C-alpha atoms as a PDB file:
ATOM      1  CA  MET A   1      95.836  74.481  45.970  1.00  0.00           C
ATOM      2  CA  ASP A   2      92.241  75.736  46.706  1.00  0.00           C
ATOM      3  CA  TYR A   3      89.698  74.513  44.921  1.00  0.00           C
ATOM      4  CA  ASP A   4      85.845  74.552  45.095  1.00  0.00           C
ATOM      5  CA  GLU A   5      84.275  71.023  45.925  1.00  0.00           C
ATOM      6  CA  GLU A   6      80.958  71.913  45.351  1.00  0.00           C
ATOM      7  CA  LYS A   7      81.515  73.128  41.729  1.00  0.00           C
ATOM      8  CA  VAL A   8      83.767  70.497  40.885  1.00  0.00           C
ATOM      9  CA  ASP A   9      81.262  68.224  41.796  1.00  0.00           C
ATOM     10  CA  GLU A  10      78.812  69.972  40.092  1.00  0.00           C
ATOM     11  CA  PHE A  11      80.936  69.867  36.764  1.00  0.00           C
ATOM     12  CA  THR A  12      81.830  66.152  37.098  1.00  0.00           C
ATOM     13  CA  LEU A  13      78.097  65.255  37.685  1.00  0.00           C
ATOM     14  CA  ALA A  14      78.061  66.998  34.298  1.00  0.00           C
ATOM     15  CA  LEU A  15      80.351  64.774  32.714  1.00  0.00           C
ATOM     16  CA  LEU A  16      79.352  62.138  33.803  1.00  0.00           C
ATOM     17  CA  TYR A  17      75.669  62.859  32.198  1.00  0.00           C
ATOM     18  CA  LEU A  18      77.657  62.783  28.628  1.00  0.00           C
ATOM     19  CA  VAL A  19      78.827  59.903  28.763  1.00  0.00           C
ATOM     20  CA  VAL A  20      75.551  57.832  30.053  1.00  0.00           C
ATOM     21  CA  HIS A  21      74.792  54.829  28.203  1.00  0.00           C
ATOM     22  CA  ASP A  22      72.293  51.782  29.319  1.00  0.00           C
ATOM     23  CA  ARG A  23      69.322  54.250  29.810  1.00  0.00           C
ATOM     24  CA  GLN A  24      65.893  53.189  31.416  1.00  0.00           C
ATOM     25  CA  GLU A  25      63.033  54.822  32.263  1.00  0.00           C
ATOM     26  CA  GLY A  26      62.092  54.728  35.893  1.00  0.00           C
ATOM     27  CA  PHE A  27      65.277  53.428  37.023  1.00  0.00           C
ATOM     28  CA  GLY A  28      67.922  56.059  35.793  1.00  0.00           C
ATOM     29  CA  ALA A  29      71.222  55.357  33.505  1.00  0.00           C
ATOM     30  CA  ARG A  30      74.550  53.922  33.786  1.00  0.00           C
ATOM     31  CA  ALA A  31      77.520  56.186  33.191  1.00  0.00           C
ATOM     32  CA  TRP A  32      81.301  55.262  33.167  1.00  0.00           C
ATOM     33  CA  LYS A  33      82.901  56.220  36.486  1.00  0.00           C
ATOM     34  CA  GLY A  34      86.470  56.948  34.984  1.00  0.00           C
ATOM     35  CA  PHE A  35      87.013  60.257  37.396  1.00  0.00           C
ATOM     36  CA  ASP A  36      88.262  61.111  40.779  1.00  0.00           C
ATOM     37  CA  TRP A  37      87.613  58.900  43.339  1.00  0.00           C
ATOM     38  CA  ASP A  38      87.120  61.932  46.196  1.00  0.00           C
ATOM     39  CA  THR A  39      84.426  63.391  44.278  1.00  0.00           C
ATOM     40  CA  MET A  40      82.791  60.071  42.915  1.00  0.00           C
ATOM     41  CA  ASN A  41      82.893  59.423  46.595  1.00  0.00           C
ATOM     42  CA  ARG A  42      81.120  62.857  47.393  1.00  0.00           C
ATOM     43  CA  LEU A  43      78.516  62.725  44.856  1.00  0.00           C
ATOM     44  CA  HIS A  44      77.330  58.974  45.958  1.00  0.00           C
ATOM     45  CA  GLU A  45      77.626  60.240  49.652  1.00  0.00           C
ATOM     46  CA  LYS A  46      74.873  63.465  48.396  1.00  0.00           C
ATOM     47  CA  GLY A  47      72.784  60.520  46.726  1.00  0.00           C
ATOM     48  CA  TYR A  48      73.699  61.405  42.995  1.00  0.00           C
ATOM     49  CA  ILE A  49      75.080  58.328  42.089  1.00  0.00           C
ATOM     50  CA  THR A  50      75.833  54.480  43.381  1.00  0.00           C
ATOM     51  CA  ASN A  51      78.401  53.514  45.261  1.00  0.00           C
ATOM     52  CA  PRO A  52      81.137  53.269  42.765  1.00  0.00           C
ATOM     53  CA  VAL A  53      83.993  51.000  45.046  1.00  0.00           C
ATOM     54  CA  SER A  54      82.314  47.986  43.424  1.00  0.00           C
ATOM     55  CA  LYS A  55      83.599  45.909  40.240  1.00  0.00           C
ATOM     56  CA  ALA A  56      81.654  47.204  37.727  1.00  0.00           C
ATOM     57  CA  LYS A  57      83.341  49.972  35.153  1.00  0.00           C
ATOM     58  CA  SER A  58      80.183  52.251  35.494  1.00  0.00           C
ATOM     59  CA  VAL A  59      77.654  53.808  38.230  1.00  0.00           C
ATOM     60  CA  ILE A  60      74.192  54.148  38.254  1.00  0.00           C
ATOM     61  CA  ILE A  61      72.511  57.507  38.035  1.00  0.00           C
ATOM     62  CA  GLY A  62      69.534  58.003  39.243  1.00  0.00           C
ATOM     63  CA  ASP A  63      66.848  60.784  38.553  1.00  0.00           C
ATOM     64  CA  VAL A  64      69.463  63.655  38.553  1.00  0.00           C
ATOM     65  CA  VAL A  65      68.955  62.181  34.681  1.00  0.00           C
ATOM     66  CA  ASP A  66      65.496  63.489  34.184  1.00  0.00           C
ATOM     67  CA  LYS A  67      66.502  66.554  36.213  1.00  0.00           C
ATOM     68  CA  ILE A  68      69.330  67.529  33.490  1.00  0.00           C
ATOM     69  CA  ASP A  69      67.112  66.377  30.713  1.00  0.00           C
ATOM     70  CA  LEU A  70      64.547  69.204  32.001  1.00  0.00           C
ATOM     71  CA  LEU A  71      67.037  71.956  32.324  1.00  0.00           C
ATOM     72  CA  VAL A  72      68.786  71.074  29.070  1.00  0.00           C
ATOM     73  CA  LEU A  73      65.545  71.241  27.777  1.00  0.00           C
ATOM     74  CA  CYS A  74      64.214  74.664  29.448  1.00  0.00           C
ATOM     75  CA  SER A  75      66.985  76.001  28.223  1.00  0.00           C
END
């Protein structure tokens, strides 16, 4: 089945935003990483999240969190 990887990445990033915890201003936030590994690796390659390959159960979402907040506030 063919699918648009860009859309999958965008939706996964939005879902990561929804499961954000341990937010620290200026450092981003941590999000649970229970999503498809290929998608998580693509998001890491694009610079949206830290490397998902680790013992930690979460990844750090950088300045993307602030950009999403701005989009939500402007909606």
